[in-house]
Amino acid sequence: MRIAIVGAGVSGLAAAYRLRKLGREVVIFEKSGGLGGRVNSRQHKLGYTFDVGATSLTPRGKSIEKVMLEELPTTELVKVEKPIWTHSGLRTSPGSSSKNSTPRYCYQNGIQTFANLLGDGLDVRLKTDILEIKREGTGYRVGDEYFDATILTPPIPQACQLLWSLGESRPVANVSYRSCVSVMLGYQAESETPYHALIDTEQVHPLTWLSVENAKVPGRAPAGGSAFVAQLSARFSQQNYAQPDDYFIDATVTFLKHLYGSAFASPEVAMVKKWKYSQPESLARFENVNLPGSTLLVASDGLLGGHIEDAFECGWRTAELLA
């Protein structure tokens, strides 16, 4: 059986990884120039490393755990030691001890290392945007190639466009997504924090999440420096999505000055990444979308959840169902 997978995010990579172990021939088509989707990292030439989307891996006993800890190389794997704190209006306090007891992991050179390890040896066609799929006999034509089965892993709105190109639909009308703007800031000033991240659990403040990258993984900033990734709230991101990058940078710098003082008024590195489909806010049932015996399957994060372990689980389950 020859299988096409559209999308090289974690779900697509998990499906391909599992299918290859089961002896299937798999080709992944990815419109961007790299693997991982929201498992995305950026290294800046001045010595900063930022995890732009997902900030850590939390296995929670799911399929990802055995693969990450036992099957893939662990040379760069780092257990995150510092906890997550909360903030209310930028006033910080310790987070939940029970939630902080859950093991979290990352990689020294960025969380995207996980995606690259998953994809090692797979046939991945980067910078290949699949806009339609054609039915051919009992199989499918994806690009210029014939496949016996196809797995769609993009966010549900994009997966639906590909389904429509085949004249198909699935019960996913209730799935919705929130947008998120991520801001990466690098400073020559050093931050000393008892936490690796701050979260606004009430989702009221524009600063929903702040990852202190050098507290999460030592070495993410030059000596004496600090690296931050701010994720702005769904409401703030949606309302201001069309604003230029400087708008989001200036707002985030204001928040950091309030938290850490005037030494954080002038970053030497500032970058922005906009995620249109950041996280699903509502889900469709995997079992309703993917019926046994189908050779056209959907493995989107709109089925099991937006966390990385959920996306991995969705790809893994889809591979098992197809196999």
Protein backbone atom coordinates (compact mmCIF):
# COMPACT_ATOMS: atom_id res chain seq x y z
CA MET A 1 0.00 0.00 0.00
CA ARG A 2 1.29 3.43 -1.00
CA ILE A 3 0.05 6.31 1.17
CA ALA A 4 0.13 10.08 0.69
CA ILE A 5 0.13 12.33 3.76
CA VAL A 6 -0.66 16.01 3.29
CA GLY A 7 1.11 18.07 5.96
CA ALA A 8 4.34 17.49 7.89
CA GLY A 9 3.12 18.68 11.27
CA VAL A 10 3.35 16.34 14.24
CA SER A 11 0.16 14.49 13.28
CA GLY A 12 1.40 13.78 9.76
CA LEU A 13 4.86 12.80 10.98
CA ALA A 14 3.39 10.49 13.63
CA ALA A 15 1.23 8.76 11.02
CA ALA A 16 4.16 8.39 8.65
CA TYR A 17 6.48 7.13 11.42
CA ARG A 18 3.96 4.47 12.44
CA LEU A 19 3.08 3.43 8.89
CA ARG A 20 6.72 3.02 7.93
CA LYS A 21 7.21 0.70 10.91
CA LEU A 22 4.23 -1.28 9.64
CA GLY A 23 5.92 -1.68 6.27
CA ARG A 24 3.91 0.82 4.24
CA GLU A 25 5.35 3.18 1.63
CA VAL A 26 4.65 6.77 2.66
CA VAL A 27 5.18 10.15 0.97
CA ILE A 28 4.58 13.41 2.87
CA PHE A 29 3.71 16.64 1.05
CA GLU A 30 4.48 19.84 2.99
CA LYS A 31 3.88 23.36 1.70
CA SER A 32 6.49 25.02 3.94
CA GLY A 33 10.23 24.58 3.95
CA GLY A 34 10.46 22.57 7.17
CA LEU A 35 8.94 19.92 9.38
CA GLY A 36 6.82 20.28 12.49
CA GLY A 37 4.03 22.78 11.83
CA ARG A 38 3.45 24.48 15.21
CA VAL A 39 6.41 22.52 16.60
CA ASN A 40 8.58 25.31 15.29
CA SER A 41 11.90 26.78 16.44
CA ARG A 42 14.03 29.69 15.34
CA GLN A 43 17.71 30.23 15.99
CA HIS A 44 18.95 33.80 15.70
CA LYS A 45 22.51 34.55 14.65
CA LEU A 46 23.13 36.52 17.86
CA GLY A 47 22.75 33.32 19.88
CA TYR A 48 19.06 33.15 20.79
CA THR A 49 16.81 30.11 20.39
CA PHE A 50 13.03 30.48 20.42
CA ASP A 51 10.23 27.90 20.35
CA VAL A 52 7.68 29.87 18.40
CA GLY A 53 4.57 27.69 18.66
CA ALA A 54 4.43 24.73 21.03
CA THR A 55 6.80 25.39 23.92
CA SER A 56 7.25 21.92 25.46
CA LEU A 57 6.28 18.27 25.09
CA THR A 58 4.07 16.72 27.77
CA PRO A 59 3.63 13.00 27.01
CA ARG A 60 0.93 12.27 29.66
CA GLY A 61 1.29 8.52 29.04
CA LYS A 62 0.15 8.71 25.41
CA SER A 63 1.73 7.13 22.35
CA ILE A 64 4.24 9.96 22.03
CA GLU A 65 5.90 9.00 25.33
CA LYS A 66 7.43 5.69 24.25
CA VAL A 67 8.50 7.09 20.88
CA MET A 68 10.13 10.19 22.37
CA LEU A 69 11.80 8.55 25.37
CA GLU A 70 12.67 5.10 24.02
CA GLU A 71 12.73 5.05 20.22
CA LEU A 72 14.11 8.43 19.13
CA PRO A 73 17.58 9.73 20.05
CA THR A 74 17.55 11.53 23.41
CA THR A 75 20.95 13.25 23.18
CA GLU A 76 19.41 16.74 23.03
CA LEU A 77 16.31 15.97 25.11
CA VAL A 78 15.98 18.18 28.19
CA LYS A 79 13.54 17.79 31.07
CA VAL A 80 12.14 21.20 32.00
CA GLU A 81 12.88 21.67 35.69
CA LYS A 82 11.37 25.05 36.53
CA PRO A 83 7.57 25.23 37.00
CA ILE A 84 4.85 27.30 35.37
CA TRP A 85 3.55 30.26 37.35
CA THR A 86 0.38 32.24 36.78
CA HIS A 87 -0.23 35.94 36.38
CA SER A 88 -3.28 38.12 36.87
CA GLY A 89 -2.86 41.56 35.34
CA LEU A 90 0.91 40.84 35.29
CA ARG A 91 0.96 40.12 39.04
CA THR A 92 2.68 36.75 39.35
CA SER A 93 2.07 33.86 41.75
CA PRO A 94 3.10 30.18 41.94
CA GLY A 95 1.14 27.80 39.76
CA SER A 96 -0.72 24.62 40.59
CA SER A 97 1.57 22.06 42.25
CA SER A 98 -0.44 19.18 40.75
CA LYS A 99 -0.19 20.55 37.21
CA ASN A 100 3.50 21.32 37.65
CA SER A 101 4.14 17.72 38.67
CA THR A 102 3.49 16.63 35.06
CA PRO A 103 6.86 16.04 33.31
CA ARG A 104 7.63 18.44 30.47
CA TYR A 105 10.40 18.08 27.91
CA CYS A 106 12.13 20.11 25.26
CA TYR A 107 15.26 19.91 23.12
CA GLN A 108 18.45 21.90 23.54
CA ASN A 109 18.41 23.38 20.05
CA GLY A 110 14.66 23.87 19.86
CA ILE A 111 11.49 21.82 20.05
CA GLN A 112 11.53 21.39 16.27
CA THR A 113 14.28 18.83 16.86
CA PHE A 114 11.47 16.40 17.78
CA ALA A 115 9.84 16.85 14.37
CA ASN A 116 13.17 16.47 12.58
CA LEU A 117 13.90 13.24 14.46
CA LEU A 118 10.44 11.87 13.61
CA GLY A 119 10.95 12.74 9.96
CA ASP A 120 14.45 11.33 9.65
CA GLY A 121 14.53 8.96 6.69
CA LEU A 122 10.97 9.69 5.56
CA ASP A 123 10.17 10.75 1.99
CA VAL A 124 9.10 14.37 2.52
CA ARG A 125 8.41 16.75 -0.38
CA LEU A 126 8.97 20.21 1.10
CA LYS A 127 7.62 23.40 -0.49
CA THR A 128 4.94 21.36 -2.23
CA ASP A 129 1.49 22.88 -1.76
CA ILE A 130 -1.31 20.41 -2.51
CA LEU A 131 -4.38 22.39 -3.59
CA GLU A 132 -6.52 19.50 -4.81
CA ILE A 133 -6.69 15.74 -4.82
CA LYS A 134 -8.17 13.68 -7.64
CA ARG A 135 -9.80 10.30 -7.42
CA GLU A 136 -8.29 7.72 -9.77
CA GLY A 137 -9.76 4.23 -9.81
CA THR A 138 -9.77 2.96 -6.25
CA GLY A 139 -7.00 5.38 -5.24
CA TYR A 140 -5.98 9.02 -5.43
CA ARG A 141 -3.74 11.27 -7.45
CA VAL A 142 -1.82 13.66 -5.24
CA GLY A 143 0.43 15.96 -7.21
CA ASP A 144 1.62 13.84 -10.11
CA GLU A 145 1.65 10.54 -8.23
CA TYR A 146 -0.82 7.72 -7.58
CA PHE A 147 -1.55 6.52 -4.04
CA ASP A 148 -3.77 3.81 -2.61
CA ALA A 149 -4.75 5.96 0.38
CA THR A 150 -4.46 9.56 1.57
CA ILE A 151 -4.29 11.17 5.02
CA LEU A 152 -5.11 14.86 5.44
CA THR A 153 -3.47 16.54 8.44
CA PRO A 154 -3.87 20.34 7.97
CA PRO A 155 -6.23 22.36 10.20
CA ILE A 156 -9.86 21.46 9.51
CA PRO A 157 -10.66 24.48 7.26
CA GLN A 158 -7.75 23.58 4.96
CA ALA A 159 -8.51 19.86 5.11
CA CYS A 160 -12.10 20.63 4.08
CA GLN A 161 -10.89 22.39 0.93
CA LEU A 162 -9.08 19.22 -0.08
CA LEU A 163 -12.12 17.10 0.74
CA TRP A 164 -14.27 19.40 -1.38
CA SER A 165 -11.87 18.97 -4.31
CA LEU A 166 -12.92 15.31 -4.20
CA GLY A 167 -16.59 16.10 -3.71
CA GLU A 168 -16.44 14.77 -0.15
CA SER A 169 -17.29 16.19 3.25
CA ARG A 170 -17.01 15.05 6.87
CA PRO A 171 -18.97 16.03 10.01
CA VAL A 172 -16.60 18.79 11.15
CA ALA A 173 -18.82 21.89 10.96
CA ASN A 174 -18.59 22.45 14.72
CA VAL A 175 -14.77 22.72 14.71
CA SER A 176 -13.46 26.25 15.25
CA TYR A 177 -10.00 27.69 15.80
CA ARG A 178 -8.47 30.64 17.58
CA SER A 179 -5.64 32.72 16.19
CA CYS A 180 -2.45 33.55 18.08
CA VAL A 181 0.36 36.03 17.56
CA SER A 182 3.74 34.97 18.97
CA VAL A 183 6.41 37.55 19.73
CA MET A 184 10.08 36.58 20.14
CA LEU A 185 12.32 38.95 22.10
CA GLY A 186 16.02 38.67 22.90
CA TYR A 187 17.71 40.92 25.47
CA GLN A 188 21.24 41.54 26.64
CA ALA A 189 19.79 41.87 30.16
CA GLU A 190 19.59 38.74 32.31
CA SER A 191 16.30 37.60 33.81
CA GLU A 192 16.25 35.62 37.07
CA THR A 193 12.88 33.89 37.38
CA PRO A 194 11.70 30.98 39.57
CA TYR A 195 9.51 29.80 36.67
CA HIS A 196 10.05 28.90 33.02
CA ALA A 197 6.67 30.25 31.91
CA LEU A 198 3.77 32.46 32.97
CA ILE A 199 0.14 31.79 32.07
CA ASP A 200 -2.98 33.89 32.46
CA THR A 201 -5.42 31.15 33.43
CA GLU A 202 -8.40 33.50 33.10
CA GLN A 203 -7.43 34.40 29.50
CA VAL A 204 -8.24 38.06 30.18
CA HIS A 205 -4.89 39.82 29.70
CA PRO A 206 -3.44 40.17 26.19
CA LEU A 207 -0.37 38.28 27.43
CA THR A 208 -1.79 34.76 27.65
CA TRP A 209 1.54 32.94 27.86
CA LEU A 210 5.14 33.98 28.37
CA SER A 211 7.94 31.47 27.96
CA VAL A 212 11.31 32.40 29.44
CA GLU A 213 13.36 30.35 27.01
CA ASN A 214 16.65 30.55 28.88
CA ALA A 215 14.89 29.43 32.10
CA LYS A 216 13.19 26.57 30.25
CA VAL A 217 16.39 25.32 28.61
CA PRO A 218 19.74 26.79 29.72
CA GLY A 219 21.77 28.15 26.82
CA ARG A 220 18.84 29.59 24.86
CA ALA A 221 20.38 33.10 25.16
CA PRO A 222 23.96 34.45 25.12
CA ALA A 223 25.71 34.70 28.49
CA GLY A 224 24.05 37.44 30.54
CA GLY A 225 21.06 37.57 28.17
CA SER A 226 17.42 36.50 28.10
CA ALA A 227 15.09 35.05 25.49
CA PHE A 228 11.30 35.27 25.64
CA VAL A 229 8.40 34.01 23.57
CA ALA A 230 5.10 35.78 24.27
CA GLN A 231 1.85 34.30 23.00
CA LEU A 232 -0.92 36.87 22.84
CA SER A 233 -4.52 36.08 23.68
CA ALA A 234 -7.01 34.83 21.11
CA ARG A 235 -9.11 37.98 21.45
CA PHE A 236 -6.17 40.38 21.19
CA SER A 237 -4.64 38.41 18.31
CA GLN A 238 -7.91 38.22 16.38
CA GLN A 239 -8.80 41.88 16.84
CA ASN A 240 -5.34 43.10 15.81
CA TYR A 241 -4.24 40.35 13.39
CA ALA A 242 -3.75 42.76 10.48
CA GLN A 243 -1.55 45.13 12.50
CA PRO A 244 2.16 45.36 11.56
CA ASP A 245 4.75 43.44 13.55
CA ASP A 246 5.92 46.54 15.43
CA TYR A 247 2.48 46.87 16.99
CA PHE A 248 2.79 43.47 18.68
CA ILE A 249 6.45 43.99 19.57
CA ASP A 250 5.76 47.33 21.27
CA ALA A 251 2.84 45.88 23.24
CA THR A 252 4.89 42.90 24.42
CA VAL A 253 7.88 45.05 25.41
CA THR A 254 5.51 47.11 27.57
CA PHE A 255 4.39 43.94 29.36
CA LEU A 256 7.98 42.80 29.93
CA LYS A 257 9.01 46.20 31.29
CA HIS A 258 6.16 45.93 33.79
CA LEU A 259 7.26 42.44 34.81
CA TYR A 260 11.06 42.85 34.87
CA GLY A 261 11.89 46.55 34.86
CA SER A 262 13.45 49.15 32.60
CA ALA A 263 16.37 46.89 31.62
CA PHE A 264 13.88 45.15 29.32
CA ALA A 265 12.80 48.26 27.43
CA SER A 266 15.01 47.66 24.39
CA PRO A 267 15.36 44.14 22.93
CA GLU A 268 18.22 43.50 20.54
CA VAL A 269 16.17 40.84 18.75
CA ALA A 270 12.45 41.12 17.99
CA MET A 271 10.44 38.88 15.65
CA VAL A 272 6.76 38.03 15.15
CA LYS A 273 5.00 34.89 13.97
CA LYS A 274 1.25 34.84 13.30
CA TRP A 275 -0.69 31.59 13.64
CA LYS A 276 -4.09 31.82 11.94
CA TYR A 277 -5.12 28.35 13.14
CA SER A 278 -3.33 28.19 16.44
CA GLN A 279 -5.52 25.95 18.57
CA PRO A 280 -8.91 24.28 18.06
CA GLU A 281 -11.57 25.66 20.39
CA SER A 282 -14.07 22.91 19.65
CA LEU A 283 -13.59 19.40 18.29
CA ALA A 284 -15.21 16.83 16.04
CA ARG A 285 -15.22 13.15 17.03
CA PHE A 286 -12.42 11.13 15.50
CA GLU A 287 -14.72 8.11 15.14
CA ASN A 288 -17.34 10.10 13.22
CA VAL A 289 -14.84 11.65 10.82
CA ASN A 290 -12.81 8.51 10.10
CA LEU A 291 -14.80 5.35 9.45
CA PRO A 292 -13.16 1.90 9.34
CA GLY A 293 -12.35 0.81 5.81
CA SER A 294 -11.94 4.33 4.42
CA THR A 295 -8.83 5.11 2.39
CA LEU A 296 -9.29 8.89 2.75
CA LEU A 297 -8.68 9.85 6.37
CA VAL A 298 -8.38 13.08 8.36
CA ALA A 299 -5.80 13.46 11.13
CA SER A 300 -6.20 17.11 12.07
CA ASP A 301 -5.76 18.66 15.51
CA GLY A 302 -9.47 19.50 15.31
CA LEU A 303 -10.26 15.89 16.26
CA LEU A 304 -8.41 15.03 19.47
CA GLY A 305 -7.08 18.41 20.65
CA GLY A 306 -4.47 21.06 20.05
CA HIS A 307 -1.71 19.88 22.37
CA ILE A 308 1.25 18.19 20.71
CA GLU A 309 0.60 14.87 22.42
CA ASP A 310 -2.98 15.01 21.07
CA ALA A 311 -1.83 15.77 17.53
CA PHE A 312 0.65 12.89 17.73
CA GLU A 313 -2.09 10.58 19.04
CA CYS A 314 -4.38 11.57 16.18
CA GLY A 315 -1.76 10.72 13.57
CA TRP A 316 -0.91 7.46 15.35
CA ARG A 317 -4.56 6.37 15.56
CA THR A 318 -5.12 7.25 11.91
CA ALA A 319 -2.15 5.10 10.88
CA GLU A 320 -3.48 2.19 12.94
CA LEU A 321 -6.95 2.58 11.42
CA LEU A 322 -5.58 2.63 7.88
CA ALA A 323 -3.21 -0.27 8.48
